Every structure is written in C-alpha cells, then in structure tokens.
Amino acid sequence: MAEFIEELTERETEVIYYVMQSLTNKQIAEVLGITHHTVKAHISSILKKLMCKNRIELALFAQARGVSIHHQGLAQP
C-alpha cells in the first residue's frame, strides 16, 4: 500500500493529518479555509486511493506508515 501514499496530493496529506488529530470535517474545513463538502470529497478520494474503509482505518494506516506533512504554513487547529 505504500505506493498509494505517493499518489496523494499535498492537500490530501494535510487532510489526513487533521483526520489523525480527530478533527471533524467541519473543523478541517475551517482550518484549511475550504468547505466541509470539499473536505468530504478529499476524504473520499483518500479512502479510495489508500483502500481504507473509513476514517479510523485511514488514521491507523497513516500512523503505522508514519505519514506526516512537511508544510511550512500549516495552520494549527
């Protein structure tokens, strides 16, 4: 599954970070300055790319593989 991580966009990686922090879609949207519908679309795309069934599986997958973001201006919740 590691090869799928390479397919993620920078924004998707940011969304994963916030999912790992247990933020809701609404909270992620506020932090990133996008709509909660856009967050939902990103999460759907991420789940499909990483073949995860839900947010919990996604967070565990990302944590186990050390998925992190390296983004200078990352907003903190």
PDB file of N, CA and C in Angstrom:
ATOM      1  N   MET A   1       0.805  -1.209   0.000  1.00  0.00           N
ATOM      2  CA  MET A   1       0.000   0.000   0.000  1.00  0.00           C
ATOM      3  C   MET A   1       0.848   1.272   0.000  1.00  0.00           C
ATOM      4  N   ALA A   2       2.120   1.152   0.273  1.00  0.00           N
ATOM      5  CA  ALA A   2       2.985   2.327   0.344  1.00  0.00           C
ATOM      6  C   ALA A   2       2.977   3.107  -0.961  1.00  0.00           C
ATOM      7  N   GLU A   3       2.877   2.397  -2.084  1.00  0.00           N
ATOM      8  CA  GLU A   3       2.885   3.095  -3.366  1.00  0.00           C
ATOM      9  C   GLU A   3       1.683   4.025  -3.517  1.00  0.00           C
ATOM     10  N   PHE A   4       0.585   3.736  -2.831  1.00  0.00           N
ATOM     11  CA  PHE A   4      -0.593   4.580  -2.920  1.00  0.00           C
ATOM     12  C   PHE A   4      -0.371   5.922  -2.227  1.00  0.00           C
ATOM     13  N   ILE A   5       0.460   5.949  -1.203  1.00  0.00           N
ATOM     14  CA  ILE A   5       0.737   7.195  -0.492  1.00  0.00           C
ATOM     15  C   ILE A   5       1.355   8.210  -1.433  1.00  0.00           C
ATOM     16  N   GLU A   6       2.156   7.760  -2.369  1.00  0.00           N
ATOM     17  CA  GLU A   6       2.781   8.654  -3.338  1.00  0.00           C
ATOM     18  C   GLU A   6       1.762   9.326  -4.240  1.00  0.00           C
ATOM     19  N   GLU A   7       0.582   8.747  -4.373  1.00  0.00           N
ATOM     20  CA  GLU A   7      -0.463   9.313  -5.221  1.00  0.00           C
ATOM     21  C   GLU A   7      -1.214  10.460  -4.547  1.00  0.00           C
ATOM     22  N   LEU A   8      -0.998  10.673  -3.258  1.00  0.00           N
ATOM     23  CA  LEU A   8      -1.726  11.710  -2.536  1.00  0.00           C
ATOM     24  C   LEU A   8      -1.227  13.094  -2.912  1.00  0.00           C
ATOM     25  N   THR A   9      -2.162  14.024  -2.988  1.00  0.00           N
ATOM     26  CA  THR A   9      -1.781  15.413  -3.212  1.00  0.00           C
ATOM     27  C   THR A   9      -1.345  16.021  -1.886  1.00  0.00           C
ATOM     28  N   GLU A  10      -0.730  17.177  -1.954  1.00  0.00           N
ATOM     29  CA  GLU A  10      -0.328  17.873  -0.729  1.00  0.00           C
ATOM     30  C   GLU A  10      -1.551  18.163   0.144  1.00  0.00           C
ATOM     31  N   ARG A  11      -2.647  18.577  -0.470  1.00  0.00           N
ATOM     32  CA  ARG A  11      -3.870  18.876   0.282  1.00  0.00           C
ATOM     33  C   ARG A  11      -4.424  17.619   0.947  1.00  0.00           C
ATOM     34  N   GLU A  12      -4.399  16.502   0.219  1.00  0.00           N
ATOM     35  CA  GLU A  12      -4.878  15.253   0.806  1.00  0.00           C
ATOM     36  C   GLU A  12      -4.032  14.855   2.016  1.00  0.00           C
ATOM     37  N   THR A  13      -2.732  15.079   1.919  1.00  0.00           N
ATOM     38  CA  THR A  13      -1.855  14.782   3.047  1.00  0.00           C
ATOM     39  C   THR A  13      -2.196  15.664   4.240  1.00  0.00           C
ATOM     40  N   GLU A  14      -2.514  16.929   3.979  1.00  0.00           N
ATOM     41  CA  GLU A  14      -2.937  17.831   5.054  1.00  0.00           C
ATOM     42  C   GLU A  14      -4.217  17.326   5.702  1.00  0.00           C
ATOM     43  N   VAL A  15      -5.165  16.912   4.885  1.00  0.00           N
ATOM     44  CA  VAL A  15      -6.437  16.404   5.402  1.00  0.00           C
ATOM     45  C   VAL A  15      -6.200  15.171   6.269  1.00  0.00           C
ATOM     46  N   ILE A  16      -5.330  14.264   5.821  1.00  0.00           N
ATOM     47  CA  ILE A  16      -5.015  13.081   6.621  1.00  0.00           C
ATOM     48  C   ILE A  16      -4.460  13.499   7.980  1.00  0.00           C
ATOM     49  N   TYR A  17      -3.577  14.480   7.986  1.00  0.00           N
ATOM     50  CA  TYR A  17      -3.001  14.956   9.244  1.00  0.00           C
ATOM     51  C   TYR A  17      -4.107  15.349  10.222  1.00  0.00           C
ATOM     52  N   TYR A  18      -5.076  16.097   9.740  1.00  0.00           N
ATOM     53  CA  TYR A  18      -6.151  16.553  10.613  1.00  0.00           C
ATOM     54  C   TYR A  18      -7.115  15.431  10.991  1.00  0.00           C
ATOM     55  N   VAL A  19      -7.303  14.470  10.101  1.00  0.00           N
ATOM     56  CA  VAL A  19      -8.099  13.289  10.454  1.00  0.00           C
ATOM     57  C   VAL A  19      -7.397  12.551  11.589  1.00  0.00           C
ATOM     58  N   MET A  20      -6.080  12.456  11.519  1.00  0.00           N
ATOM     59  CA  MET A  20      -5.303  11.797  12.565  1.00  0.00           C
ATOM     60  C   MET A  20      -5.401  12.545  13.897  1.00  0.00           C
ATOM     61  N   GLN A  21      -5.683  13.845  13.827  1.00  0.00           N
ATOM     62  CA  GLN A  21      -5.844  14.661  15.035  1.00  0.00           C
ATOM     63  C   GLN A  21      -7.287  14.620  15.548  1.00  0.00           C
ATOM     64  N   SER A  22      -8.120  13.807  14.923  1.00  0.00           N
ATOM     65  CA  SER A  22      -9.533  13.610  15.291  1.00  0.00           C
ATOM     66  C   SER A  22     -10.406  14.838  15.040  1.00  0.00           C
ATOM     67  N   LEU A  23     -10.023  15.693  14.095  1.00  0.00           N
ATOM     68  CA  LEU A  23     -10.866  16.818  13.741  1.00  0.00           C
ATOM     69  C   LEU A  23     -12.032  16.341  12.886  1.00  0.00           C
ATOM     70  N   THR A  24     -13.166  16.998  13.026  1.00  0.00           N
ATOM     71  CA  THR A  24     -14.322  16.712  12.187  1.00  0.00           C
ATOM     72  C   THR A  24     -14.113  17.351  10.814  1.00  0.00           C
ATOM     73  N   ASN A  25     -14.948  16.976   9.861  1.00  0.00           N
ATOM     74  CA  ASN A  25     -14.863  17.603   8.535  1.00  0.00           C
ATOM     75  C   ASN A  25     -15.045  19.114   8.646  1.00  0.00           C
ATOM     76  N   LYS A  26     -15.977  19.537   9.477  1.00  0.00           N
ATOM     77  CA  LYS A  26     -16.228  20.972   9.650  1.00  0.00           C
ATOM     78  C   LYS A  26     -14.997  21.674  10.219  1.00  0.00           C
ATOM     79  N   GLN A  27     -14.359  21.067  11.201  1.00  0.00           N
ATOM     80  CA  GLN A  27     -13.157  21.666  11.787  1.00  0.00           C
ATOM     81  C   GLN A  27     -12.013  21.715  10.779  1.00  0.00           C
ATOM     82  N   ILE A  28     -11.844  20.645  10.011  1.00  0.00           N
ATOM     83  CA  ILE A  28     -10.805  20.619   8.982  1.00  0.00           C
ATOM     84  C   ILE A  28     -11.070  21.725   7.956  1.00  0.00           C
ATOM     85  N   ALA A  29     -12.323  21.872   7.574  1.00  0.00           N
ATOM     86  CA  ALA A  29     -12.694  22.906   6.607  1.00  0.00           C
ATOM     87  C   ALA A  29     -12.332  24.290   7.129  1.00  0.00           C
ATOM     88  N   GLU A  30     -12.616  24.541   8.396  1.00  0.00           N
ATOM     89  CA  GLU A  30     -12.310  25.848   8.986  1.00  0.00           C
ATOM     90  C   GLU A  30     -10.805  26.110   8.998  1.00  0.00           C
ATOM     91  N   VAL A  31     -10.026  25.102   9.375  1.00  0.00           N
ATOM     92  CA  VAL A  31      -8.572  25.256   9.439  1.00  0.00           C
ATOM     93  C   VAL A  31      -7.989  25.517   8.052  1.00  0.00           C
ATOM     94  N   LEU A  32      -8.483  24.784   7.064  1.00  0.00           N
ATOM     95  CA  LEU A  32      -7.929  24.892   5.709  1.00  0.00           C
ATOM     96  C   LEU A  32      -8.583  25.975   4.855  1.00  0.00           C
ATOM     97  N   GLY A  33      -9.671  26.555   5.347  1.00  0.00           N
ATOM     98  CA  GLY A  33     -10.346  27.606   4.592  1.00  0.00           C
ATOM     99  C   GLY A  33     -11.072  27.092   3.366  1.00  0.00           C
ATOM    100  N   ILE A  34     -11.652  25.890   3.486  1.00  0.00           N
ATOM    101  CA  ILE A  34     -12.419  25.295   2.399  1.00  0.00           C
ATOM    102  C   ILE A  34     -13.763  24.844   2.963  1.00  0.00           C
ATOM    103  N   THR A  35     -14.657  24.395   2.109  1.00  0.00           N
ATOM    104  CA  THR A  35     -15.970  23.958   2.584  1.00  0.00           C
ATOM    105  C   THR A  35     -15.885  22.533   3.123  1.00  0.00           C
ATOM    106  N   HIS A  36     -16.859  22.194   3.978  1.00  0.00           N
ATOM    107  CA  HIS A  36     -16.872  20.824   4.508  1.00  0.00           C
ATOM    108  C   HIS A  36     -17.178  19.818   3.405  1.00  0.00           C
ATOM    109  N   HIS A  37     -17.855  20.269   2.352  1.00  0.00           N
ATOM    110  CA  HIS A  37     -18.115  19.389   1.201  1.00  0.00           C
ATOM    111  C   HIS A  37     -16.804  19.040   0.493  1.00  0.00           C
ATOM    112  N   THR A  38     -15.911  20.026   0.402  1.00  0.00           N
ATOM    113  CA  THR A  38     -14.605  19.783  -0.217  1.00  0.00           C
ATOM    114  C   THR A  38     -13.788  18.828   0.632  1.00  0.00           C
ATOM    115  N   VAL A  39     -13.847  18.991   1.939  1.00  0.00           N
ATOM    116  CA  VAL A  39     -13.147  18.071   2.839  1.00  0.00           C
ATOM    117  C   VAL A  39     -13.683  16.660   2.633  1.00  0.00           C
ATOM    118  N   LYS A  40     -14.996  16.527   2.569  1.00  0.00           N
ATOM    119  CA  LYS A  40     -15.607  15.214   2.357  1.00  0.00           C
ATOM    120  C   LYS A  40     -15.117  14.595   1.049  1.00  0.00           C
ATOM    121  N   ALA A  41     -15.008  15.410   0.007  1.00  0.00           N
ATOM    122  CA  ALA A  41     -14.518  14.924  -1.284  1.00  0.00           C
ATOM    123  C   ALA A  41     -13.060  14.468  -1.172  1.00  0.00           C
ATOM    124  N   HIS A  42     -12.244  15.247  -0.464  1.00  0.00           N
ATOM    125  CA  HIS A  42     -10.851  14.849  -0.264  1.00  0.00           C
ATOM    126  C   HIS A  42     -10.765  13.523   0.484  1.00  0.00           C
ATOM    127  N   ILE A  43     -11.552  13.385   1.541  1.00  0.00           N
ATOM    128  CA  ILE A  43     -11.516  12.154   2.329  1.00  0.00           C
ATOM    129  C   ILE A  43     -11.964  10.966   1.488  1.00  0.00           C
ATOM    130  N   SER A  44     -13.000  11.144   0.692  1.00  0.00           N
ATOM    131  CA  SER A  44     -13.449  10.064  -0.191  1.00  0.00           C
ATOM    132  C   SER A  44     -12.341   9.646  -1.154  1.00  0.00           C
ATOM    133  N   SER A  45     -11.654  10.629  -1.715  1.00  0.00           N
ATOM    134  CA  SER A  45     -10.556  10.352  -2.636  1.00  0.00           C
ATOM    135  C   SER A  45      -9.420   9.617  -1.931  1.00  0.00           C
ATOM    136  N   ILE A  46      -9.089  10.084  -0.723  1.00  0.00           N
ATOM    137  CA  ILE A  46      -8.021   9.458   0.061  1.00  0.00           C
ATOM    138  C   ILE A  46      -8.370   8.006   0.388  1.00  0.00           C
ATOM    139  N   LEU A  47      -9.590   7.775   0.859  1.00  0.00           N
ATOM    140  CA  LEU A  47     -10.014   6.422   1.210  1.00  0.00           C
ATOM    141  C   LEU A  47      -9.896   5.487   0.008  1.00  0.00           C
ATOM    142  N   LYS A  48     -10.295   5.995  -1.142  1.00  0.00           N
ATOM    143  CA  LYS A  48     -10.225   5.183  -2.361  1.00  0.00           C
ATOM    144  C   LYS A  48      -8.767   4.887  -2.732  1.00  0.00           C
ATOM    145  N   LYS A  49      -7.917   5.913  -2.713  1.00  0.00           N
ATOM    146  CA  LYS A  49      -6.515   5.733  -3.089  1.00  0.00           C
ATOM    147  C   LYS A  49      -5.782   4.782  -2.152  1.00  0.00           C
ATOM    148  N   LEU A  50      -6.088   4.861  -0.861  1.00  0.00           N
ATOM    149  CA  LEU A  50      -5.383   4.044   0.122  1.00  0.00           C
ATOM    150  C   LEU A  50      -6.119   2.754   0.457  1.00  0.00           C
ATOM    151  N   MET A  51      -7.270   2.568  -0.176  1.00  0.00           N
ATOM    152  CA  MET A  51      -8.085   1.370   0.021  1.00  0.00           C
ATOM    153  C   MET A  51      -8.445   1.172   1.499  1.00  0.00           C
ATOM    154  N   CYS A  52      -8.830   2.260   2.137  1.00  0.00           N
ATOM    155  CA  CYS A  52      -9.288   2.212   3.531  1.00  0.00           C
ATOM    156  C   CYS A  52     -10.813   2.296   3.529  1.00  0.00           C
ATOM    157  N   LYS A  53     -11.432   1.707   4.527  1.00  0.00           N
ATOM    158  CA  LYS A  53     -12.896   1.666   4.592  1.00  0.00           C
ATOM    159  C   LYS A  53     -13.503   2.867   5.289  1.00  0.00           C
ATOM    160  N   ASN A  54     -12.756   3.481   6.220  1.00  0.00           N
ATOM    161  CA  ASN A  54     -13.312   4.592   6.986  1.00  0.00           C
ATOM    162  C   ASN A  54     -12.186   5.446   7.571  1.00  0.00           C
ATOM    163  N   ARG A  55     -12.575   6.510   8.294  1.00  0.00           N
ATOM    164  CA  ARG A  55     -11.606   7.449   8.854  1.00  0.00           C
ATOM    165  C   ARG A  55     -10.692   6.782   9.883  1.00  0.00           C
ATOM    166  N   ILE A  56     -11.240   5.868  10.663  1.00  0.00           N
ATOM    167  CA  ILE A  56     -10.428   5.206  11.687  1.00  0.00           C
ATOM    168  C   ILE A  56      -9.353   4.353  11.026  1.00  0.00           C
ATOM    169  N   GLU A  57      -9.755   3.580  10.026  1.00  0.00           N
ATOM    170  CA  GLU A  57      -8.783   2.754   9.307  1.00  0.00           C
ATOM    171  C   GLU A  57      -7.743   3.648   8.629  1.00  0.00           C
ATOM    172  N   LEU A  58      -8.179   4.771   8.090  1.00  0.00           N
ATOM    173  CA  LEU A  58      -7.264   5.723   7.460  1.00  0.00           C
ATOM    174  C   LEU A  58      -6.249   6.239   8.471  1.00  0.00           C
ATOM    175  N   ALA A  59      -6.707   6.669   9.641  1.00  0.00           N
ATOM    176  CA  ALA A  59      -5.808   7.202  10.668  1.00  0.00           C
ATOM    177  C   ALA A  59      -4.806   6.145  11.118  1.00  0.00           C
ATOM    178  N   LEU A  60      -5.275   4.920  11.312  1.00  0.00           N
ATOM    179  CA  LEU A  60      -4.380   3.843  11.723  1.00  0.00           C
ATOM    180  C   LEU A  60      -3.365   3.521  10.627  1.00  0.00           C
ATOM    181  N   PHE A  61      -3.819   3.494   9.390  1.00  0.00           N
ATOM    182  CA  PHE A  61      -2.947   3.249   8.239  1.00  0.00           C
ATOM    183  C   PHE A  61      -1.857   4.313   8.170  1.00  0.00           C
ATOM    184  N   ALA A  62      -2.279   5.567   8.275  1.00  0.00           N
ATOM    185  CA  ALA A  62      -1.336   6.686   8.171  1.00  0.00           C
ATOM    186  C   ALA A  62      -0.351   6.680   9.332  1.00  0.00           C
ATOM    187  N   GLN A  63      -0.839   6.429  10.522  1.00  0.00           N
ATOM    188  CA  GLN A  63       0.031   6.405  11.695  1.00  0.00           C
ATOM    189  C   GLN A  63       1.050   5.275  11.590  1.00  0.00           C
ATOM    190  N   ALA A  64       0.616   4.099  11.164  1.00  0.00           N
ATOM    191  CA  ALA A  64       1.503   2.943  11.050  1.00  0.00           C
ATOM    192  C   ALA A  64       2.605   3.169  10.026  1.00  0.00           C
ATOM    193  N   ARG A  65       2.341   3.993   9.038  1.00  0.00           N
ATOM    194  CA  ARG A  65       3.319   4.242   7.982  1.00  0.00           C
ATOM    195  C   ARG A  65       4.037   5.574   8.161  1.00  0.00           C
ATOM    196  N   GLY A  66       3.784   6.224   9.272  1.00  0.00           N
ATOM    197  CA  GLY A  66       4.482   7.471   9.558  1.00  0.00           C
ATOM    198  C   GLY A  66       4.143   8.598   8.607  1.00  0.00           C
ATOM    199  N   VAL A  67       2.922   8.589   8.103  1.00  0.00           N
ATOM    200  CA  VAL A  67       2.511   9.657   7.205  1.00  0.00           C
ATOM    201  C   VAL A  67       2.534  10.966   7.978  1.00  0.00           C
ATOM    202  N   SER A  68       3.226  11.934   7.437  1.00  0.00           N
ATOM    203  CA  SER A  68       3.283  13.249   8.070  1.00  0.00           C
ATOM    204  C   SER A  68       3.290  14.299   6.978  1.00  0.00           C
ATOM    205  N   ILE A  69       3.126  15.517   7.406  1.00  0.00           N
ATOM    206  CA  ILE A  69       3.141  16.608   6.441  1.00  0.00           C
ATOM    207  C   ILE A  69       4.372  17.460   6.685  1.00  0.00           C
ATOM    208  N   HIS A  70       4.892  17.976   5.626  1.00  0.00           N
ATOM    209  CA  HIS A  70       6.032  18.878   5.701  1.00  0.00           C
ATOM    210  C   HIS A  70       5.632  20.147   4.967  1.00  0.00           C
ATOM    211  N   HIS A  71       4.806  20.919   5.621  1.00  0.00           N
ATOM    212  CA  HIS A  71       4.214  22.100   5.001  1.00  0.00           C
ATOM    213  C   HIS A  71       4.508  23.291   5.897  1.00  0.00           C
ATOM    214  N   GLN A  72       5.245  24.247   5.395  1.00  0.00           N
ATOM    215  CA  GLN A  72       5.694  25.387   6.190  1.00  0.00           C
ATOM    216  C   GLN A  72       4.553  26.172   6.838  1.00  0.00           C
ATOM    217  N   GLY A  73       3.519  26.480   6.090  1.00  0.00           N
ATOM    218  CA  GLY A  73       2.475  27.353   6.596  1.00  0.00           C
ATOM    219  C   GLY A  73       1.274  26.613   7.128  1.00  0.00           C
ATOM    220  N   LEU A  74       1.432  25.403   7.573  1.00  0.00           N
ATOM    221  CA  LEU A  74       0.304  24.601   8.019  1.00  0.00           C
ATOM    222  C   LEU A  74      -0.405  25.258   9.179  1.00  0.00           C
ATOM    223  N   ALA A  75      -1.683  25.448   9.021  1.00  0.00           N
ATOM    224  CA  ALA A  75      -2.497  26.057  10.076  1.00  0.00           C
ATOM    225  C   ALA A  75      -2.714  25.042  11.180  1.00  0.00           C
ATOM    226  N   GLN A  76      -2.709  25.508  12.396  1.00  0.00           N
ATOM    227  CA  GLN A  76      -2.985  24.640  13.544  1.00  0.00           C
ATOM    228  C   GLN A  76      -4.397  24.881  14.016  1.00  0.00           C
ATOM    229  N   PRO A  77      -5.106  23.809  14.380  1.00  0.00           N
ATOM    230  CA  PRO A  77      -6.487  23.960  14.819  1.00  0.00           C
ATOM    231  C   PRO A  77      -6.580  24.707  16.138  1.00  0.00           C
TER     232      PRO A  77
END
